Structures are given as C-alpha cells and as structure tokens.
Amino acid sequence: MKRIAFVVSNPTTADAFLRGHIAALSEHYKVDLIANLPEGSESSVLVKNQIYAPIHRKINLWRDLIGLVALIRIFSGNRYDAVHSVTPKAGLLGMLAAWITRVPVRHHTFTGQVWATRSGYSRWLLKTFDKLIHLCSTHSLVDSFSQRDFLLAEKVVRQEKSSVLASGSISGVDIERFNPDLQKRQQIREQHAISESEFVFLFLGRINNEKGLPELISAFRKVSKSHPEAKLMVVGSDESGMFEDGAMEKSFSGKLLRVGYTREPEAYFNAADVFCLPSHREGFGSVLIEAAACGVTSVASNIYGISDAVVDGQTGLLHVPKSAADLESKMELVISNPDLRQVLAQAALKRAREEFSSSVVENEFVEFYGQAFESRGR
C-alpha cells in the first residue's frame, strides 16, 4: 500500500482542514502526519503515524535548517510515495526535503499569500519562497480560482503544474455540522442576552488589522447609530490587542460583544443575521461558506479568494477593500432590507450545499491522488 505524508507546521491546521481529506485517503493509502507537535500531544486527525518535526512559522535560519534536516531524515527513513504540505513554512521545508530525497509525488496546497499585502524586500522574499515551493513540487493545488489567477499573473505557479479542486476551498464545508439550527441560535442569543428582535452582525476569525477589524468597527459605529437594534459580535483570538483593555466594548455601551476562540463556530453563525469578513487578504475564506451553510448571508471585501466564496449580489454583498464607507453602505443595505437578506441567504445556503460540500472536495482529492500515482507509474 502506498504511503503519503502530510506536512504542516501546526497540528491545528490538520485538525481544522485535513481531517476529511486524510480520512478519505486512508481508505486507499497509509497516511502519516508530520507536524510541530507539542510535547505529549497529538492531533485529533486519525492517521497511521504522527511524527514530530521542528517546523516553526516564523523565519529563523538556524531553526529552519534544523527543521529541513529533520524532514530529510524522516523522508529518507520512511520512503514515502507522496508528500503533501499545507501552509507556507511547511511547504518550503517539506517540498525542499521531499525534492532532495526524491519523493516521486510532491504536492503543496496554496491557501493565501502573506506577501500579497506587503511591499519591498519582505514581499520579494516571501514571494520567492512560494516560487521555490512550486518549483520543488510536482503539482500545486490552489484553494480558489481567483487566487490561482493571481499566482499565475505573478508568475509564482505555472498553468500546467497547478489546479483547483471542485469549486474551490481547501476542505469544503461539513454540511452535517454547519446547517441552520434554531436551537443553537436561541442558545447563543440567550447566553449573550440578545433578544430575537435585535440584529446581529458577526465577525468570526483571527482578530488583527489584516482581517479588516478597524474598518468593521468604524462602519458598525455609524450603522448602530441609525439602527438601535444592531449589535456586533466579534468572535476569535485577539492577535492585535485591540480588545485587550475592554475600552472598545465600553465605547459601544453594550452593542459590541466579545467572545474568545470557540470550538463551535456553527453555533455563532446560527446566532447571527449577517456575517462580515472585511479581510485584506484571503486564500478562499472558508468561514464564508460555513456561514452560508448555516443559512446566513455575508458582507465581505471584494478581493481574490473571497470573490470565489461569495457571488456578489446573489449570495452576499462585496464591498471595496479597506473602505469603511462602502462596508457601512453594504451593512446598511442588508439590515434595512429583510427581503433582500432572505433571498441572499437562501441562495448562499443552496450554493454551499451543492458546490462546497466537504464530500465533493474529498472525493475529488482522492481522485486527484489516484491520477497522480497513475501518471507517475507508481
């Protein structure tokens, strides 16, 4: 039986995005997970072996060299038929080590570019790393068509060596988990003292400037003045320190609700009336189809990646990136037009179920590997 190794820097990447892929592949192949596993811990993903490798997200020449050597030793000792990396650092070290050890099938999944919003030396260096990842791979997957167009235009990937599975996204959406649920809606609203007559805008994800939180806060401040029933719920880990001292919430007099990291995002999507993602960069924006699968429409920035997840005017509304004024106008539109909101939400739900079901993406992933091994005569 052929052996495949998945390489990630943080095991939570595998927990969040690779669980279904690995389960589907495990029916046909032996699958290992290689990650920077904290001492004594394991990923929840079910694999043949979980193997520790010192892969760190931040660039550090000495630590990265140690990580590269560790991966070379692992690949040499296990003689994998394929190596698949996800996330930039795992991709750089994993694809280099797999190329050096002559692993025959080498795949990397691009899920967004850190350098897309940078300039100068930083942009050049990180972009060069992505080019090297693609050069060392036998094929690269990209999790959205618009992101692939961007990478082709930037000459990072080649047409014949890159593709998108199904309609895009890294793992699709689990429609058994993410679905309209009135009980979850009532539970979260009761927990946070939100009445059914109040209108909830939701942000869920990592909290930092690149996710567009400053624009969202600014836009909501104006919307809340004309709509006393409006509330903004911000869910996720605060990487920026924006909410650290509690002053932000106080300035909204109860209209802004903060919730930390949650393992039940589906409950918060159900509690919301509209999901907001004013991000400056995204590979795809999986949270948008998760919200859609819960029957919630979105207002999001019109950037590559997001434009694949939201069809403007059909399943949600897109605003000018980094424009608090345009974001405000779109938020105003959806809160003022319940009929429009319902039409958008129903179309979003239908599209999420038909085009982005995780089972569709997983089946294509298994087929992709079958073709890769066949073409290599393995």
Protein backbone atom coordinates (compact mmCIF):
# COMPACT_ATOMS: atom_id res chain seq x y z
CA MET A 1 0.00 0.00 0.00
CA LYS A 2 1.34 3.43 -0.97
CA ARG A 3 2.37 5.87 1.75
CA ILE A 4 1.54 9.58 1.94
CA ALA A 5 2.92 12.09 4.44
CA PHE A 6 1.08 15.34 5.19
CA VAL A 7 3.33 18.11 6.49
CA VAL A 8 2.01 21.08 8.49
CA SER A 9 3.71 23.43 10.93
CA ASN A 10 0.88 23.49 13.48
CA PRO A 11 -1.26 20.38 14.08
CA THR A 12 -4.36 22.58 14.37
CA THR A 13 -4.11 23.07 10.59
CA ALA A 14 -4.66 19.35 10.15
CA ASP A 15 -7.46 19.34 12.73
CA ALA A 16 -9.27 22.19 11.01
CA PHE A 17 -8.74 21.47 7.31
CA LEU A 18 -7.35 17.98 6.64
CA ARG A 19 -9.49 15.67 8.77
CA GLY A 20 -11.85 14.70 5.93
CA HIS A 21 -9.11 14.51 3.29
CA ILE A 22 -6.98 12.21 5.42
CA ALA A 23 -9.94 10.00 6.36
CA ALA A 24 -10.88 9.61 2.68
CA LEU A 25 -7.28 8.88 1.60
CA SER A 26 -6.77 6.42 4.47
CA GLU A 27 -9.27 4.08 2.81
CA HIS A 28 -6.78 3.63 -0.03
CA TYR A 29 -3.31 4.55 1.34
CA LYS A 30 -1.23 4.62 4.53
CA VAL A 31 -1.20 8.22 5.72
CA ASP A 32 1.17 9.86 8.24
CA LEU A 33 1.01 13.35 9.72
CA ILE A 34 4.23 15.30 10.30
CA ALA A 35 3.90 18.44 12.42
CA ASN A 36 5.45 20.52 15.17
CA LEU A 37 3.55 18.56 17.80
CA PRO A 38 3.79 19.96 21.34
CA GLU A 39 5.41 17.50 23.75
CA GLY A 40 2.99 14.80 24.82
CA SER A 41 0.21 15.92 22.49
CA GLU A 42 -1.31 14.59 19.30
CA SER A 43 -3.52 15.89 16.53
CA SER A 44 -7.12 14.64 16.58
CA VAL A 45 -6.71 13.51 12.96
CA LEU A 46 -6.66 9.72 12.64
CA VAL A 47 -3.50 8.65 10.78
CA LYS A 48 -1.12 5.71 10.72
CA ASN A 49 1.65 7.67 12.49
CA GLN A 50 2.04 11.16 13.97
CA ILE A 51 5.64 12.30 13.66
CA TYR A 52 7.27 15.30 15.32
CA ALA A 53 9.32 17.74 13.22
CA PRO A 54 10.55 21.17 14.42
CA ILE A 55 8.71 23.33 11.86
CA HIS A 56 8.24 26.90 13.11
CA ARG A 57 6.06 29.53 11.44
CA LYS A 58 8.46 32.47 11.87
CA ILE A 59 11.59 32.71 9.72
CA ASN A 60 14.75 31.74 11.60
CA LEU A 61 17.68 30.50 9.52
CA TRP A 62 19.14 28.17 12.16
CA ARG A 63 15.83 26.67 13.32
CA ASP A 64 14.65 26.29 9.73
CA LEU A 65 17.84 24.43 8.82
CA ILE A 66 17.25 22.07 11.75
CA GLY A 67 13.68 21.54 10.55
CA LEU A 68 14.85 20.83 6.99
CA VAL A 69 17.39 18.24 8.19
CA ALA A 70 14.74 16.60 10.38
CA LEU A 71 12.36 16.27 7.42
CA ILE A 72 15.12 14.87 5.19
CA ARG A 73 15.80 12.18 7.80
CA ILE A 74 12.09 11.37 8.16
CA PHE A 75 11.54 11.11 4.40
CA SER A 76 14.70 9.05 3.89
CA GLY A 77 13.72 6.61 6.62
CA ASN A 78 10.10 6.13 5.58
CA ARG A 79 10.35 6.10 1.77
CA TYR A 80 7.06 7.84 1.11
CA ASP A 81 5.35 7.65 -2.27
CA ALA A 82 3.97 11.18 -1.79
CA VAL A 83 4.43 14.20 0.43
CA HIS A 84 1.76 16.89 0.73
CA SER A 85 2.38 20.20 2.52
CA VAL A 86 -0.01 22.91 3.68
CA THR A 87 0.92 26.42 4.97
CA PRO A 88 3.99 28.41 3.81
CA LYS A 89 6.77 27.23 6.16
CA ALA A 90 5.69 23.58 6.00
CA GLY A 91 5.57 23.99 2.23
CA LEU A 92 9.05 25.48 1.97
CA LEU A 93 10.75 22.90 4.20
CA GLY A 94 8.55 19.99 3.17
CA MET A 95 8.88 20.47 -0.59
CA LEU A 96 12.63 21.09 -0.35
CA ALA A 97 13.17 17.96 1.76
CA ALA A 98 10.91 15.88 -0.50
CA TRP A 99 12.78 17.09 -3.61
CA ILE A 100 16.17 16.38 -2.01
CA THR A 101 15.11 12.84 -1.03
CA ARG A 102 13.47 12.29 -4.44
CA VAL A 103 9.96 11.58 -3.21
CA PRO A 104 8.20 10.90 -6.52
CA VAL A 105 4.92 12.76 -5.86
CA ARG A 106 5.24 16.16 -4.18
CA HIS A 107 2.16 18.32 -3.64
CA HIS A 108 1.60 21.65 -1.91
CA THR A 109 -1.67 23.48 -1.29
CA PHE A 110 -1.60 27.29 -1.51
CA THR A 111 -4.15 28.83 0.86
CA GLY A 112 -3.36 32.55 0.52
CA GLN A 113 -0.28 34.73 0.29
CA VAL A 114 1.12 36.70 3.21
CA TRP A 115 3.10 38.81 0.74
CA ALA A 116 0.02 39.93 -1.21
CA THR A 117 -0.42 42.96 1.06
CA ARG A 118 3.29 43.68 1.59
CA SER A 119 5.87 45.67 -0.33
CA GLY A 120 9.62 45.94 -0.74
CA TYR A 121 12.07 43.30 0.42
CA SER A 122 9.54 41.45 2.57
CA ARG A 123 7.22 40.93 -0.40
CA TRP A 124 10.09 39.82 -2.66
CA LEU A 125 11.46 37.32 -0.12
CA LEU A 126 8.13 35.67 0.74
CA LYS A 127 7.11 35.57 -2.90
CA THR A 128 10.44 33.91 -3.76
CA PHE A 129 9.73 31.26 -1.11
CA ASP A 130 6.38 30.50 -2.77
CA LYS A 131 8.10 30.22 -6.16
CA LEU A 132 10.60 27.77 -4.65
CA ILE A 133 7.78 25.70 -3.13
CA HIS A 134 6.12 25.42 -6.54
CA LEU A 135 9.43 24.66 -8.26
CA CYS A 136 10.12 21.75 -5.89
CA SER A 137 6.59 20.34 -6.16
CA THR A 138 5.37 18.05 -8.90
CA HIS A 139 1.97 19.78 -8.71
CA SER A 140 0.41 22.57 -6.67
CA LEU A 141 -3.20 22.86 -5.58
CA VAL A 142 -4.73 26.29 -5.03
CA ASP A 143 -7.87 26.69 -2.94
CA SER A 144 -9.62 29.24 -5.18
CA PHE A 145 -9.72 30.09 -8.88
CA SER A 146 -9.14 33.81 -8.31
CA GLN A 147 -6.10 33.04 -6.14
CA ARG A 148 -4.71 30.81 -8.89
CA ASP A 149 -5.23 33.62 -11.43
CA PHE A 150 -3.29 35.92 -9.08
CA LEU A 151 -0.44 33.41 -8.69
CA LEU A 152 -0.29 32.88 -12.46
CA ALA A 153 -0.19 36.64 -13.09
CA GLU A 154 2.59 37.00 -10.50
CA LYS A 155 4.48 34.10 -12.19
CA VAL A 156 4.56 32.11 -8.95
CA VAL A 157 2.91 28.98 -10.37
CA ARG A 158 2.72 27.50 -13.86
CA GLN A 159 -0.51 26.74 -15.69
CA GLU A 160 0.30 23.08 -16.33
CA LYS A 161 1.51 22.44 -12.75
CA SER A 162 -1.38 23.96 -10.77
CA SER A 163 -5.10 23.39 -10.36
CA VAL A 164 -8.18 23.94 -8.19
CA LEU A 165 -10.31 21.05 -6.97
CA ALA A 166 -14.11 21.23 -7.40
CA SER A 167 -15.37 24.83 -6.93
CA GLY A 168 -12.51 25.70 -4.59
CA SER A 169 -11.80 25.84 -0.82
CA ILE A 170 -9.25 23.71 1.00
CA SER A 171 -11.75 21.30 2.55
CA GLY A 172 -15.27 22.38 1.66
CA VAL A 173 -17.89 22.57 4.39
CA ASP A 174 -19.27 19.78 6.56
CA ILE A 175 -23.00 20.23 5.89
CA GLU A 176 -23.85 17.80 8.70
CA ARG A 177 -22.17 20.14 11.17
CA PHE A 178 -22.86 23.51 9.53
CA ASN A 179 -26.59 23.81 8.91
CA PRO A 180 -29.49 26.03 10.01
CA ASP A 181 -30.25 25.25 13.65
CA LEU A 182 -32.86 27.26 15.56
CA GLN A 183 -31.90 25.65 18.87
CA LYS A 184 -28.25 26.79 18.55
CA ARG A 185 -29.46 30.27 17.56
CA GLN A 186 -31.61 30.55 20.68
CA GLN A 187 -28.89 29.09 22.91
CA ILE A 188 -26.21 31.61 21.91
CA ARG A 189 -28.60 34.54 21.95
CA GLU A 190 -29.84 33.67 25.42
CA GLN A 191 -26.26 33.18 26.60
CA HIS A 192 -25.35 36.72 25.49
CA ALA A 193 -28.69 38.36 26.37
CA ILE A 194 -29.60 39.07 22.74
CA SER A 195 -33.32 39.29 22.02
CA GLU A 196 -34.81 37.94 18.79
CA SER A 197 -35.75 41.49 17.79
CA GLU A 198 -32.08 42.55 17.82
CA PHE A 199 -29.96 42.29 14.67
CA VAL A 200 -26.54 40.62 14.92
CA PHE A 201 -23.60 41.28 12.64
CA LEU A 202 -20.93 38.64 13.25
CA PHE A 203 -17.18 38.51 12.71
CA LEU A 204 -15.52 35.16 13.45
CA GLY A 205 -11.80 34.53 12.97
CA ARG A 206 -8.38 35.77 13.98
CA ILE A 207 -8.58 39.38 15.15
CA ASN A 208 -5.98 41.60 13.51
CA ASN A 209 -5.75 44.55 11.16
CA GLU A 210 -5.42 42.39 8.03
CA LYS A 211 -8.83 40.89 8.77
CA GLY A 212 -10.26 44.39 8.42
CA LEU A 213 -11.42 44.80 12.02
CA PRO A 214 -10.67 48.57 12.16
CA GLU A 215 -12.93 49.14 9.13
CA LEU A 216 -15.64 46.90 10.57
CA ILE A 217 -15.58 48.73 13.92
CA SER A 218 -15.75 52.10 12.15
CA ALA A 219 -18.59 51.03 9.84
CA PHE A 220 -20.60 49.45 12.65
CA ARG A 221 -20.27 52.56 14.83
CA LYS A 222 -22.19 54.51 12.18
CA VAL A 223 -24.70 51.75 11.40
CA SER A 224 -25.52 51.30 15.09
CA LYS A 225 -26.44 54.98 15.41
CA SER A 226 -29.17 54.68 12.77
CA HIS A 227 -30.21 51.18 13.87
CA PRO A 228 -30.57 50.89 17.67
CA GLU A 229 -31.40 47.19 17.27
CA ALA A 230 -27.98 46.40 15.75
CA LYS A 231 -25.25 44.53 17.60
CA LEU A 232 -21.78 43.39 16.53
CA MET A 233 -20.41 40.11 17.86
CA VAL A 234 -16.65 39.62 17.42
CA VAL A 235 -15.54 36.02 17.98
CA GLY A 236 -11.94 34.82 17.92
CA SER A 237 -8.44 35.17 19.33
CA ASP A 238 -7.28 38.78 19.65
CA GLU A 239 -3.87 38.82 17.96
CA SER A 240 -3.75 42.62 17.79
CA GLY A 241 -4.59 43.54 21.37
CA MET A 242 -7.46 45.63 20.03
CA PHE A 243 -9.84 44.47 22.77
CA GLU A 244 -7.24 43.85 25.47
CA ASP A 245 -8.26 46.59 27.91
CA GLY A 246 -12.02 46.41 27.36
CA ALA A 247 -12.22 50.06 26.27
CA MET A 248 -13.56 49.19 22.82
CA GLU A 249 -16.59 47.32 24.17
CA LYS A 250 -17.32 50.09 26.68
CA SER A 251 -17.36 52.70 23.91
CA PHE A 252 -20.30 50.88 22.31
CA SER A 253 -22.39 50.69 25.50
CA GLY A 254 -23.28 47.01 25.15
CA LYS A 255 -23.72 46.95 21.38
CA LEU A 256 -20.34 45.24 20.79
CA LEU A 257 -19.97 41.73 22.20
CA ARG A 258 -16.58 39.98 22.51
CA VAL A 259 -16.18 36.21 22.55
CA GLY A 260 -12.83 34.40 22.55
CA TYR A 261 -11.84 31.40 20.45
CA THR A 262 -14.68 28.90 20.03
CA ARG A 263 -14.80 25.24 19.05
CA GLU A 264 -18.43 25.69 18.00
CA PRO A 265 -18.38 28.27 15.19
CA GLU A 266 -21.58 26.77 13.77
CA ALA A 267 -23.49 27.94 16.87
CA TYR A 268 -22.35 31.53 16.39
CA PHE A 269 -23.11 31.51 12.66
CA ASN A 270 -26.65 30.43 13.52
CA ALA A 271 -26.98 33.20 16.11
CA ALA A 272 -26.08 35.84 13.50
CA ASP A 273 -28.22 37.64 10.92
CA VAL A 274 -25.29 38.65 8.68
CA PHE A 275 -21.66 37.54 8.66
CA CYS A 276 -18.94 40.13 7.95
CA LEU A 277 -15.44 39.47 6.60
CA PRO A 278 -13.74 42.74 5.54
CA SER A 279 -10.39 40.97 5.12
CA HIS A 280 -7.46 42.44 3.17
CA ARG A 281 -6.25 39.01 2.01
CA GLU A 282 -7.70 35.50 1.91
CA GLY A 283 -6.91 32.33 0.03
CA PHE A 284 -10.56 31.39 -0.08
CA GLY A 285 -12.48 32.43 3.03
CA SER A 286 -13.86 29.12 4.29
CA VAL A 287 -15.82 30.88 7.04
CA LEU A 288 -18.00 32.42 4.33
CA ILE A 289 -19.27 29.06 3.08
CA GLU A 290 -19.62 27.83 6.65
CA ALA A 291 -21.87 30.81 7.37
CA ALA A 292 -23.72 30.17 4.11
CA ALA A 293 -24.29 26.51 5.05
CA CYS A 294 -25.95 27.80 8.24
CA GLY A 295 -28.29 29.92 6.14
CA VAL A 296 -26.52 33.24 6.78
CA THR A 297 -25.55 35.69 4.04
CA SER A 298 -22.31 37.71 4.15
CA VAL A 299 -20.89 41.15 3.58
CA ALA A 300 -17.23 40.78 2.61
CA SER A 301 -14.37 42.55 0.85
CA ASN A 302 -14.05 42.18 -2.91
CA ILE A 303 -10.63 40.52 -3.06
CA TYR A 304 -9.30 37.34 -4.65
CA GLY A 305 -10.31 34.27 -2.68
CA ILE A 306 -13.39 35.90 -1.18
CA SER A 307 -14.87 36.57 -4.62
CA ASP A 308 -14.98 32.76 -5.11
CA ALA A 309 -16.83 32.18 -1.84
CA VAL A 310 -19.40 34.97 -2.31
CA VAL A 311 -21.22 35.74 -5.56
CA ASP A 312 -21.80 39.50 -5.32
CA GLY A 313 -25.47 40.39 -5.36
CA GLN A 314 -26.52 36.74 -5.45
CA THR A 315 -25.26 35.01 -2.28
CA GLY A 316 -23.95 38.08 -0.45
CA LEU A 317 -22.57 41.58 -0.93
CA LEU A 318 -18.96 42.58 -1.65
CA HIS A 319 -17.51 45.95 -0.69
CA VAL A 320 -14.45 47.89 -1.77
CA PRO A 321 -11.42 46.52 0.16
CA LYS A 322 -10.26 48.66 3.11
CA SER A 323 -13.22 51.06 2.61
CA ALA A 324 -15.15 51.56 5.85
CA ALA A 325 -17.60 53.79 3.97
CA ASP A 326 -18.50 51.14 1.39
CA LEU A 327 -18.64 48.46 4.08
CA GLU A 328 -21.05 50.68 6.02
CA SER A 329 -23.28 51.12 2.96
CA LYS A 330 -23.49 47.35 2.41
CA MET A 331 -24.22 46.71 6.11
CA GLU A 332 -26.90 49.40 5.95
CA LEU A 333 -28.40 47.72 2.88
CA VAL A 334 -28.73 44.26 4.45
CA ILE A 335 -30.09 45.46 7.79
CA SER A 336 -32.68 47.68 6.08
CA ASN A 337 -33.89 45.10 3.54
CA PRO A 338 -35.08 41.85 5.15
CA ASP A 339 -36.43 40.55 1.81
CA LEU A 340 -33.05 41.02 0.11
CA ARG A 341 -31.31 39.42 3.08
CA GLN A 342 -33.56 36.37 2.88
CA VAL A 343 -33.03 35.94 -0.88
CA LEU A 344 -29.25 36.20 -0.47
CA ALA A 345 -29.22 33.78 2.47
CA GLN A 346 -31.31 31.16 0.65
CA ALA A 347 -29.07 31.34 -2.43
CA ALA A 348 -25.95 31.13 -0.24
CA LEU A 349 -27.29 28.05 1.55
CA LYS A 350 -28.15 26.32 -1.74
CA ARG A 351 -24.72 27.04 -3.25
CA ALA A 352 -22.84 25.89 -0.15
CA ARG A 353 -24.65 22.57 -0.15
CA GLU A 354 -24.40 21.93 -3.89
CA GLU A 355 -20.89 23.19 -4.69
CA PHE A 356 -18.88 23.17 -1.46
CA SER A 357 -19.95 20.08 0.45
CA SER A 358 -16.84 18.52 2.02
CA SER A 359 -17.76 15.16 0.48
CA VAL A 360 -17.45 16.68 -3.02
CA VAL A 361 -14.00 18.12 -2.27
CA GLU A 362 -12.80 14.91 -0.56
CA ASN A 363 -13.89 12.73 -3.49
CA GLU A 364 -12.01 14.98 -5.91
CA PHE A 365 -8.97 14.85 -3.62
CA VAL A 366 -8.90 11.04 -3.67
CA GLU A 367 -9.33 11.07 -7.45
CA PHE A 368 -6.53 13.63 -7.74
CA TYR A 369 -4.15 11.31 -5.87
CA GLY A 370 -5.19 8.32 -7.92
CA GLN A 371 -4.36 10.19 -11.12
CA ALA A 372 -1.08 11.48 -9.67
CA PHE A 373 0.14 7.98 -8.80
CA GLU A 374 -1.08 6.60 -12.13
CA SER A 375 0.72 9.29 -14.14
CA ARG A 376 3.95 8.56 -12.24
CA GLY A 377 3.58 4.83 -12.77
CA ARG A 378 3.54 4.21 -9.03
